[in-house]
Each structure stands twice: as C-alpha cells, then as structure tokens.
Amino acid sequence: MSLMEAKGVTRRFGGLTAVNAVDFRVEQGEIVGLIGPNGAGKTTFFNLISGFLRPDEGEIRFDGQSIIGHKPSDICKRGMTRTFQIVKPFPEMTVTDNVMVGAFNHHRDRAAARAKASEVIELVGLGPQAAKLGRELTVAGRKRVELAKALATEPKLMLLDEVMAGLTPSEVAGMIEVLGRVRAAGVTMVIVEHVMQVIMNLSDRIYVLHHGEAIAEGAPDQIVSDAKVTKAYLGESFVAEAGGGAAS
C-alpha cells in the first residue's frame, strides 16, 4: 500500500482544467519530485492533496484512507503537512515560538511543544538563531523556519513547495544537507522545485506536469531522456549538461 495515492484527480476553475486526471503515488521513505513549467498545475495539485482544494473528480488516499473533503488541519493531524512558496514567519515572535505553532499540532502542553520545537530547530540548523525574531531572519532563515514549523507537526509525509527559491548557491547546498537529515529522520517528501540539478539529485522518482496533465513519471535519468519532457520543460541545453539524450 502506498503512503499516498491519487487516482484520476481533476480540478476545474470555470472553463479551465487546472489538473486533469492525474495519477500520483508516494511510497514510504521516498523523495518524489514534481516539476513542470509555470502554470502547469503543480501548486494546485499540492492544494488538492493537502485539503486546501477539493477535486472535481478522482480519489486521494493517505495512509490507506480517503482524505477527500477533510480539512487541511485534519489531514495534518493524520500526518501530511506542507510548506508554501511565500514564507511569512510571525515577525514579532522568536524562531522557537514560530516553530511551536507547528508543535501544538500534537502537543498541547507548552513545555512539550517547546521541546519538540527545539528538536526540529536543531535538525534544520537554526539552533544559533532560536531567539531571533521572525522579522530579523534572512530569506534562507525564513525558509528554514517554514520547514521547521512543518516538521514540528510530526509528519509522515511533507509537501515542500519551492524551498530553494530565492536562495544563493551556498544556501541551496545547505538546504540540500538539511533535507538529507530530514529524510534520515524518517520523513517522506514530495518536492516541487525549479532548480533542476537539485530535484534530479534529491529525487527517487519524478512526475512531470504540463497543462495540468502528468506527461511523464520515472527515475531522474528516465525523465532527462524523455523527449516529451525535454520539449515541454527541460530544454535541450539542460539535457546536454546533464549528459542525457532525448529519446524518440
């Protein structure tokens, strides 16, 4: 049984079909990449599987049970959480207090929530900044707070929406190290990302969305050599740099 599975998921906005009959699965322990051009439907799909939107058609199961119609907060309590592209920590709260907001998902006692927050703050490398206010953080710091807040909910599956966006190359390298520690801690991940070298190096499998449809799925080397993906998204220059060749 897959940890999360979507079958035939479709969502329309008026006359626009944003996500069209998408099949998608995630196995326990995997890192699954989700890529595609801007407007391909990636964030809409995240909103569907995390409960922020309801599909018009299809089925979504998490940990063996349907989650269609469940609130995002209920889905989070079941063990699926997400981050957002635009990160906005509470500006007048410390890093620790920001992360405690996530910890309250399972810990109503403040001491227990603080202990959980401290644990994940160390995991993401924010220990020295734990007492800083949200407004004092760099972009990289805010990204790590967002990640820590999600981890503090104690997820089985974490959906990461462009955690590398806006980071410098050295900050990207640091975030890759952090995600390696998160994986080692037993958290399964789905990652939406435009930094292709990152997604290719981190992912066990990759799905490609284009115009709301899943046009390819496979290991990174399969995706790089897929002609449909090259034409729709990656481009010949990336394939050449990656050492792949588009198949006919």
Protein backbone atom coordinates (compact mmCIF):
# COMPACT_ATOMS: atom_id res chain seq x y z
CA MET A 1 0.00 0.00 0.00
CA SER A 2 1.37 3.41 -1.00
CA LEU A 3 1.67 6.07 1.68
CA MET A 4 -0.23 8.50 -0.56
CA GLU A 5 -2.04 7.77 -3.80
CA ALA A 6 -4.08 9.98 -6.11
CA LYS A 7 -6.11 8.48 -8.96
CA GLY A 8 -7.73 10.46 -11.75
CA VAL A 9 -7.58 13.73 -9.80
CA THR A 10 -9.16 16.60 -11.72
CA ARG A 11 -9.86 20.21 -10.77
CA ARG A 12 -11.55 22.83 -12.94
CA PHE A 13 -11.88 26.57 -12.46
CA GLY A 14 -14.72 27.60 -14.72
CA GLY A 15 -13.67 26.61 -18.23
CA LEU A 16 -10.05 25.98 -17.24
CA THR A 17 -8.95 22.48 -16.28
CA ALA A 18 -6.01 23.16 -13.97
CA VAL A 19 -5.37 19.50 -13.08
CA ASN A 20 -6.56 16.80 -15.45
CA ALA A 21 -6.93 13.12 -14.45
CA VAL A 22 -3.60 12.95 -12.62
CA ASP A 23 -2.40 9.66 -11.12
CA PHE A 24 0.29 10.06 -8.47
CA ARG A 25 1.73 7.85 -5.74
CA VAL A 26 4.30 8.17 -2.98
CA GLU A 27 5.89 5.21 -1.21
CA GLN A 28 7.10 5.30 2.38
CA GLY A 29 10.64 6.72 2.59
CA GLU A 30 10.76 8.19 -0.92
CA ILE A 31 11.61 11.66 -2.11
CA VAL A 32 9.35 12.34 -5.09
CA GLY A 33 9.90 15.36 -7.31
CA LEU A 34 7.11 17.26 -9.04
CA ILE A 35 8.24 19.50 -11.89
CA GLY A 36 6.81 21.38 -14.84
CA PRO A 37 6.53 24.84 -16.39
CA ASN A 38 4.90 27.74 -14.55
CA GLY A 39 1.14 27.27 -14.71
CA ALA A 40 1.42 23.50 -15.15
CA GLY A 41 -0.79 22.85 -12.11
CA LYS A 42 1.83 21.90 -9.51
CA THR A 43 0.66 24.17 -6.69
CA THR A 44 -2.99 23.42 -7.49
CA PHE A 45 -2.19 19.72 -7.19
CA PHE A 46 -0.50 20.37 -3.81
CA ASN A 47 -3.61 22.25 -2.71
CA LEU A 48 -5.77 19.28 -3.72
CA ILE A 49 -3.82 16.58 -1.92
CA SER A 50 -3.38 18.71 1.23
CA GLY A 51 -7.08 19.60 1.50
CA PHE A 52 -6.99 23.28 0.59
CA LEU A 53 -9.00 22.49 -2.55
CA ARG A 54 -11.45 19.69 -3.28
CA PRO A 55 -11.10 17.78 -6.56
CA ASP A 56 -13.99 17.72 -9.01
CA GLU A 57 -13.15 14.12 -9.86
CA GLY A 58 -10.82 11.41 -8.62
CA GLU A 59 -9.67 9.86 -5.37
CA ILE A 60 -6.94 10.75 -2.90
CA ARG A 61 -5.89 8.28 -0.23
CA PHE A 62 -3.36 8.85 2.53
CA ASP A 63 -2.14 6.05 4.75
CA GLY A 64 -4.87 3.79 3.36
CA GLN A 65 -7.83 6.14 3.89
CA SER A 66 -9.65 8.63 1.69
CA ILE A 67 -8.98 12.26 2.62
CA ILE A 68 -11.41 13.85 0.16
CA GLY A 69 -13.40 16.51 1.98
CA HIS A 70 -11.18 16.58 5.05
CA LYS A 71 -9.92 19.92 6.34
CA PRO A 72 -6.20 20.71 5.98
CA SER A 73 -5.92 20.70 9.78
CA ASP A 74 -7.40 17.18 9.95
CA ILE A 75 -5.07 15.97 7.21
CA CYS A 76 -2.14 17.49 9.10
CA LYS A 77 -3.12 15.60 12.24
CA ARG A 78 -3.17 12.40 10.19
CA GLY A 79 0.44 13.05 9.21
CA MET A 80 0.59 15.08 5.98
CA THR A 81 1.87 18.64 6.11
CA ARG A 82 3.12 21.21 3.61
CA THR A 83 5.17 24.35 3.18
CA PHE A 84 4.29 27.33 0.99
CA GLN A 85 6.16 29.22 -1.74
CA ILE A 86 5.84 32.53 0.10
CA VAL A 87 7.16 32.16 3.63
CA LYS A 88 5.85 34.54 6.27
CA PRO A 89 7.00 33.76 9.81
CA PHE A 90 5.26 35.69 12.58
CA PRO A 91 7.51 38.77 12.58
CA GLU A 92 7.35 39.64 16.29
CA MET A 93 7.73 36.05 17.51
CA THR A 94 11.03 34.25 18.04
CA VAL A 95 12.12 31.33 15.89
CA THR A 96 11.27 28.99 18.76
CA ASP A 97 7.79 30.44 19.20
CA ASN A 98 7.16 30.29 15.43
CA VAL A 99 8.06 26.61 15.35
CA MET A 100 5.98 25.89 18.46
CA VAL A 101 2.93 26.81 16.40
CA GLY A 102 3.53 23.62 14.41
CA ALA A 103 4.36 21.60 17.52
CA PHE A 104 0.94 22.39 19.01
CA ASN A 105 -0.50 20.03 16.34
CA HIS A 106 0.28 17.14 18.70
CA HIS A 107 1.47 18.80 21.92
CA ARG A 108 -0.98 20.98 23.86
CA ASP A 109 1.40 21.31 26.78
CA ARG A 110 3.72 24.29 26.23
CA ALA A 111 6.75 22.54 27.67
CA ALA A 112 6.29 19.57 25.34
CA ALA A 113 5.70 21.87 22.36
CA ARG A 114 8.84 23.86 23.20
CA ALA A 115 10.89 20.65 23.47
CA LYS A 116 9.64 19.49 20.07
CA ALA A 117 10.35 22.91 18.56
CA SER A 118 13.89 22.86 19.94
CA GLU A 119 14.45 19.40 18.45
CA VAL A 120 13.47 20.36 14.92
CA ILE A 121 15.21 23.75 15.13
CA GLU A 122 18.45 21.87 15.70
CA LEU A 123 17.62 19.46 12.87
CA VAL A 124 17.28 22.30 10.34
CA GLY A 125 20.37 24.10 11.61
CA LEU A 126 18.69 27.10 13.24
CA GLY A 127 19.89 26.48 16.79
CA PRO A 128 22.05 29.65 16.99
CA GLN A 129 19.10 31.74 15.74
CA ALA A 130 16.41 30.27 18.01
CA ALA A 131 15.96 33.54 19.92
CA LYS A 132 15.82 35.75 16.82
CA LEU A 133 12.56 37.41 15.82
CA GLY A 134 10.90 36.37 12.59
CA ARG A 135 11.45 39.81 11.07
CA GLU A 136 15.19 39.58 11.68
CA LEU A 137 15.71 36.48 9.53
CA THR A 138 17.20 36.29 6.06
CA VAL A 139 15.31 34.59 3.23
CA ALA A 140 17.27 31.41 3.94
CA GLY A 141 16.40 31.67 7.63
CA ARG A 142 12.71 32.15 6.89
CA LYS A 143 12.76 29.11 4.59
CA ARG A 144 14.25 27.00 7.38
CA VAL A 145 11.68 28.26 9.88
CA GLU A 146 8.91 27.26 7.47
CA LEU A 147 10.49 23.83 7.15
CA ALA A 148 10.92 23.51 10.93
CA LYS A 149 7.32 24.54 11.56
CA ALA A 150 6.14 21.81 9.18
CA LEU A 151 8.44 19.23 10.78
CA ALA A 152 7.18 20.14 14.23
CA THR A 153 3.75 18.78 13.24
CA GLU A 154 5.45 15.34 13.19
CA PRO A 155 4.56 14.42 9.60
CA LYS A 156 4.79 11.09 7.84
CA LEU A 157 4.65 12.96 4.51
CA MET A 158 5.81 16.51 3.89
CA LEU A 159 4.95 18.51 0.75
CA LEU A 160 7.66 21.09 0.02
CA ASP A 161 6.72 23.93 -2.35
CA GLU A 162 9.89 25.56 -3.77
CA VAL A 163 12.01 25.52 -0.62
CA MET A 164 15.07 26.52 -2.71
CA ALA A 165 13.51 29.59 -4.36
CA GLY A 166 15.45 32.79 -3.71
CA LEU A 167 18.46 31.05 -2.16
CA THR A 168 22.09 31.54 -3.16
CA PRO A 169 24.10 28.51 -4.38
CA SER A 170 25.70 28.08 -0.94
CA GLU A 171 22.30 28.35 0.75
CA VAL A 172 20.88 25.77 -1.69
CA ALA A 173 23.73 23.41 -0.75
CA GLY A 174 22.91 23.95 2.92
CA MET A 175 19.23 23.22 2.35
CA ILE A 176 20.09 20.01 0.49
CA GLU A 177 22.05 18.90 3.58
CA VAL A 178 19.06 19.72 5.77
CA LEU A 179 16.69 17.70 3.59
CA GLY A 180 19.11 14.78 3.80
CA ARG A 181 18.83 14.91 7.60
CA VAL A 182 15.04 15.15 7.35
CA ARG A 183 14.96 12.05 5.18
CA ALA A 184 17.27 10.23 7.60
CA ALA A 185 14.78 11.10 10.36
CA GLY A 186 12.16 9.04 8.51
CA VAL A 187 10.09 11.74 6.77
CA THR A 188 8.80 11.02 3.25
CA MET A 189 8.81 14.06 0.94
CA VAL A 190 7.26 15.40 -2.24
CA ILE A 191 9.17 18.39 -3.61
CA VAL A 192 8.03 21.00 -6.12
CA GLU A 193 11.17 22.73 -7.36
CA HIS A 194 12.50 24.68 -10.35
CA VAL A 195 16.18 24.14 -9.52
CA MET A 196 16.61 21.10 -11.72
CA GLN A 197 20.03 19.97 -10.51
CA VAL A 198 18.55 19.85 -7.01
CA ILE A 199 15.45 17.89 -7.99
CA MET A 200 17.48 15.46 -10.10
CA ASN A 201 19.95 14.78 -7.30
CA LEU A 202 17.41 14.50 -4.45
CA SER A 203 14.53 12.59 -6.04
CA ASP A 204 14.00 8.85 -6.23
CA ARG A 205 11.21 9.40 -8.77
CA ILE A 206 9.90 12.45 -10.61
CA TYR A 207 6.50 13.36 -12.02
CA VAL A 208 6.21 15.98 -14.76
CA LEU A 209 3.07 18.08 -15.12
CA HIS A 210 2.28 20.03 -18.29
CA HIS A 211 -1.02 21.85 -18.89
CA GLY A 212 -2.41 20.05 -15.83
CA GLU A 213 -1.58 16.56 -17.08
CA ALA A 214 1.09 14.13 -15.89
CA ILE A 215 3.15 13.60 -19.05
CA ALA A 216 5.95 11.51 -17.51
CA GLU A 217 6.94 9.60 -14.37
CA GLY A 218 10.15 7.79 -13.58
CA ALA A 219 13.65 7.89 -12.17
CA PRO A 220 15.68 11.08 -12.81
CA ASP A 221 17.69 9.51 -15.66
CA GLN A 222 14.45 8.43 -17.35
CA ILE A 223 12.99 11.92 -17.06
CA VAL A 224 16.10 13.56 -18.53
CA SER A 225 15.94 11.24 -21.56
CA ASP A 226 12.20 11.65 -22.18
CA ALA A 227 11.53 13.60 -25.39
CA LYS A 228 8.16 14.91 -24.16
CA VAL A 229 9.76 16.36 -21.03
CA THR A 230 12.63 17.91 -22.98
CA LYS A 231 10.20 19.62 -25.33
CA ALA A 232 7.73 20.74 -22.65
CA TYR A 233 10.10 21.82 -19.91
CA LEU A 234 13.77 20.89 -19.57
CA GLY A 235 15.06 22.01 -22.98
CA GLU A 236 17.97 20.64 -24.96
CA SER A 237 20.59 22.68 -23.08
CA PHE A 238 19.73 21.11 -19.71
CA VAL A 239 19.72 17.62 -21.19
CA ALA A 240 23.13 18.22 -22.76
CA GLU A 241 24.56 19.50 -19.45
CA ALA A 242 23.06 16.53 -17.61
CA GLY A 243 24.62 14.10 -20.06
CA GLY A 244 21.28 12.73 -21.27
CA GLY A 245 19.77 12.43 -24.69
CA ALA A 246 16.14 12.82 -25.61
CA ALA A 247 14.56 9.57 -26.71
CA SER A 248 12.24 9.44 -29.65
